[in-house]
Protein backbone atom coordinates (compact mmCIF):
# COMPACT_ATOMS: atom_id res chain seq x y z
CA UNK A 1 10.07 7.17 23.94
CA UNK A 2 11.13 5.98 20.53
CA UNK A 3 8.48 4.89 18.06
CA UNK A 4 8.46 2.93 14.84
CA UNK A 5 11.15 3.78 12.33
CA UNK A 6 11.58 3.59 8.59
CA UNK A 7 14.85 3.48 6.69
CA UNK A 8 15.47 3.84 2.97
CA UNK A 9 17.71 5.20 0.27
CA UNK A 10 15.20 7.96 -0.50
CA UNK A 11 12.78 9.81 1.74
CA UNK A 12 9.91 8.02 -0.05
CA UNK A 13 11.49 4.60 0.58
CA UNK A 14 11.90 5.41 4.27
CA UNK A 15 8.29 6.63 4.48
CA UNK A 16 7.02 3.47 2.74
CA UNK A 17 9.08 1.26 5.07
CA UNK A 18 7.62 3.06 8.07
CA UNK A 19 4.05 2.76 6.79
CA UNK A 20 4.47 -0.95 5.94
CA UNK A 21 5.62 -1.54 9.51
CA UNK A 22 2.34 -0.02 10.76
CA UNK A 23 -0.30 -1.33 8.30
CA UNK A 24 -0.59 -4.22 5.88
CA UNK A 25 -0.28 -3.03 2.27
CA UNK A 26 -2.48 -4.27 -0.55
CA UNK A 27 -0.97 -7.49 -1.81
CA UNK A 28 -1.59 -10.68 -3.72
CA UNK A 29 -1.72 -14.00 -1.89
CA UNK A 30 1.11 -16.20 -3.16
CA UNK A 31 -1.12 -19.31 -3.14
CA UNK A 32 -3.29 -17.88 -5.94
CA UNK A 33 -1.31 -18.85 -9.04
CA UNK A 34 -3.63 -21.18 -10.99
CA UNK A 35 -4.09 -20.34 -14.69
CA UNK A 36 -6.80 -22.75 -15.92
CA UNK A 37 -10.46 -22.04 -15.08
CA UNK A 38 -10.90 -25.52 -13.56
CA UNK A 39 -7.96 -25.10 -11.16
CA UNK A 40 -9.18 -21.62 -10.25
CA UNK A 41 -12.72 -22.89 -9.60
CA UNK A 42 -11.41 -25.81 -7.55
CA UNK A 43 -9.40 -23.44 -5.36
CA UNK A 44 -12.28 -20.98 -5.01
CA UNK A 45 -14.79 -23.63 -3.97
CA UNK A 46 -12.40 -24.82 -1.27
CA UNK A 47 -12.91 -21.76 0.96
CA UNK A 48 -15.69 -19.52 2.21
CA UNK A 49 -13.68 -16.56 0.86
CA UNK A 50 -13.67 -18.20 -2.58
CA UNK A 51 -17.41 -18.85 -2.58
CA UNK A 52 -17.97 -15.21 -1.59
CA UNK A 53 -15.73 -14.06 -4.45
CA UNK A 54 -17.74 -16.21 -6.92
CA UNK A 55 -20.98 -14.71 -5.63
CA UNK A 56 -19.59 -11.16 -5.72
CA UNK A 57 -18.41 -11.71 -9.32
CA UNK A 58 -21.95 -12.69 -10.31
CA UNK A 59 -21.56 -16.44 -10.86
CA UNK A 60 -24.98 -17.88 -10.10
CA UNK A 61 -25.25 -21.56 -11.04
CA UNK A 62 -26.80 -24.57 -9.35
CA UNK A 63 -24.84 -26.86 -7.07
CA UNK A 64 -25.23 -29.63 -9.66
CA UNK A 65 -23.67 -27.41 -12.34
CA UNK A 66 -20.71 -26.71 -10.04
CA UNK A 67 -20.31 -30.45 -9.38
CA UNK A 68 -20.37 -31.15 -13.13
CA UNK A 69 -17.73 -28.49 -13.79
CA UNK A 70 -15.50 -29.63 -10.93
CA UNK A 71 -15.70 -33.30 -11.91
CA UNK A 72 -14.33 -32.74 -15.43
CA UNK A 73 -11.48 -30.29 -16.21
CA UNK A 74 -12.34 -30.61 -19.91
CA UNK A 75 -15.98 -29.68 -19.39
CA UNK A 76 -16.92 -27.11 -22.02
CA UNK A 77 -18.25 -24.07 -20.17
CA UNK A 78 -19.20 -20.78 -21.78
CA UNK A 79 -16.57 -18.08 -22.04
CA UNK A 80 -18.71 -15.72 -19.94
CA UNK A 81 -18.59 -18.24 -17.06
CA UNK A 82 -14.81 -18.67 -17.45
CA UNK A 83 -14.48 -14.89 -17.30
CA UNK A 84 -16.56 -14.73 -14.09
CA UNK A 85 -14.45 -17.48 -12.51
CA UNK A 86 -11.27 -15.63 -13.47
CA UNK A 87 -12.63 -12.35 -12.07
CA UNK A 88 -13.60 -14.06 -8.80
CA UNK A 89 -10.16 -15.69 -8.61
CA UNK A 90 -8.32 -12.41 -9.08
CA UNK A 91 -10.57 -10.69 -6.53
CA UNK A 92 -9.96 -13.45 -3.97
CA UNK A 93 -6.21 -13.30 -4.62
CA UNK A 94 -5.95 -9.64 -3.62
CA UNK A 95 -5.88 -8.70 0.05
CA UNK A 96 -6.91 -5.06 0.45
CA UNK A 97 -4.64 -2.64 2.28
CA UNK A 98 -5.40 -1.71 5.83
CA UNK A 99 -6.23 1.99 6.19
CA UNK A 100 -3.38 4.22 7.33
CA UNK A 101 -3.64 4.18 11.13
CA UNK A 102 -4.67 7.41 12.85
CA UNK A 103 -1.53 7.33 15.02
CA UNK A 104 0.52 7.63 11.81
CA UNK A 105 -1.56 10.49 10.38
CA UNK A 106 -1.45 12.29 13.74
CA UNK A 107 2.15 11.37 14.51
CA UNK A 108 5.25 13.46 14.92
CA UNK A 109 7.81 12.55 12.24
CA UNK A 110 11.55 13.02 12.85
CA UNK A 111 13.46 12.89 9.58
CA UNK A 112 17.22 12.30 9.57
CA UNK A 113 19.29 12.74 6.41
CA UNK A 114 20.20 15.51 3.96
CA UNK A 115 17.50 18.20 3.85
CA UNK A 116 17.61 21.17 1.49
CA UNK A 117 15.51 24.30 1.26
CA UNK A 118 16.82 27.11 -0.89
CA UNK A 119 20.59 27.46 -0.33
CA UNK A 120 20.40 25.72 3.05
CA UNK A 121 21.45 22.10 2.67
CA UNK A 122 22.47 20.13 5.73
CA UNK A 123 22.51 16.75 7.38
CA UNK A 124 19.69 16.56 9.92
CA UNK A 125 19.51 14.20 12.87
CA UNK A 126 23.14 14.24 13.95
CA UNK A 127 25.14 15.96 16.72
CA UNK A 128 25.17 19.28 14.86
CA UNK A 129 21.53 19.48 13.76
CA UNK A 130 18.29 18.07 15.13
CA UNK A 131 16.11 15.93 12.88
CA UNK A 132 13.51 17.71 10.76
CA UNK A 133 10.36 17.50 12.89
CA UNK A 134 7.00 17.35 11.13
CA UNK A 135 3.55 17.27 12.73
CA UNK A 136 1.54 14.82 10.61
CA UNK A 137 -1.77 15.97 12.14
CA UNK A 138 -1.51 19.29 10.29
CA UNK A 139 -1.32 17.66 6.86
CA UNK A 140 -3.83 16.37 4.32
CA UNK A 141 -3.41 12.57 4.00
CA UNK A 142 -6.18 12.06 1.43
CA UNK A 143 -4.00 11.59 -1.70
CA UNK A 144 -1.46 9.42 0.14
CA UNK A 145 -4.19 7.19 1.59
CA UNK A 146 -5.97 6.89 -1.77
CA UNK A 147 -2.77 5.66 -3.45
CA UNK A 148 -1.98 3.37 -0.49
CA UNK A 149 -5.40 1.70 -0.55
CA UNK A 150 -5.17 1.20 -4.33
CA UNK A 151 -1.75 -0.44 -3.94
CA UNK A 152 -0.17 2.31 -6.06
CA UNK A 153 1.84 4.31 -3.50
CA UNK A 154 5.33 4.38 -5.00
CA UNK A 155 8.31 5.79 -3.13
CA UNK A 156 8.39 8.81 -5.46
CA UNK A 157 4.66 9.50 -5.06
CA UNK A 158 4.91 9.17 -1.29
CA UNK A 159 7.83 11.59 -1.15
CA UNK A 160 6.10 14.15 -3.42
CA UNK A 161 2.81 14.04 -1.51
CA UNK A 162 4.50 14.02 1.89
CA UNK A 163 6.41 17.17 0.95
CA UNK A 164 3.42 18.95 -0.66
CA UNK A 165 0.61 17.76 1.62
CA UNK A 166 2.25 17.16 5.01
CA UNK A 167 5.52 19.12 5.35
CA UNK A 168 4.25 22.29 3.65
CA UNK A 169 1.00 22.14 5.64
CA UNK A 170 2.98 21.97 8.87
CA UNK A 171 5.98 24.27 8.41
CA UNK A 172 5.41 26.01 5.09
CA UNK A 173 7.18 26.09 1.72
CA UNK A 174 10.66 26.66 3.13
CA UNK A 175 13.01 29.11 1.45
CA UNK A 176 12.50 27.60 -1.99
CA UNK A 177 10.61 24.35 -1.49
CA UNK A 178 11.85 21.18 0.18
CA UNK A 179 14.29 18.70 -1.29
CA UNK A 180 15.74 15.48 0.06
CA UNK A 181 18.80 14.89 -2.16
CA UNK A 182 20.55 12.45 0.20
CA UNK A 183 21.22 8.75 -0.29
CA UNK A 184 19.94 7.48 3.06
CA UNK A 185 17.05 8.54 5.28
CA UNK A 186 15.74 7.46 8.62
CA UNK A 187 12.32 8.44 9.94
CA UNK A 188 11.08 8.00 13.47
CA UNK A 189 7.40 8.28 14.32
CA UNK A 190 6.51 9.56 17.79
């Protein structure tokens, strides 16, 4: 039975595409684009999420103070309050990444594309050669998940960590390390 797939120009791009199909990455909500403190405060006080962000940022003022601020965009508030509103706004704008699902970390990966170890370079996943099969459950996903949750998992980082922490843990170093010099990769997760 076929599972989710990822496609990309590099192995890292294909891995990222696969992961994004399985879990929501950290991202910024497009509706959070206000620049002025008054517009930010107005948007924040319009939702429960916004009020929670204001509280979490440490903005503790009376309801009357909030009403005064909201009723006059030119109201002169202290810089420290403007900074707290901005912090709350930025925190509310960011949606945290979902953790990498266990079925991904325990999955069987089938990689198709050019695979090289030592002098052996060949196209995998065609009629002449089976895909490179990797057991994700044997790897250490800690570094990949840390970068993913921080919103900093680049294609290059994913490829490097997948090789070092997942492939090597499952099938070893290869003849002389693992390289993926091709221009197109497909990954299937089973």
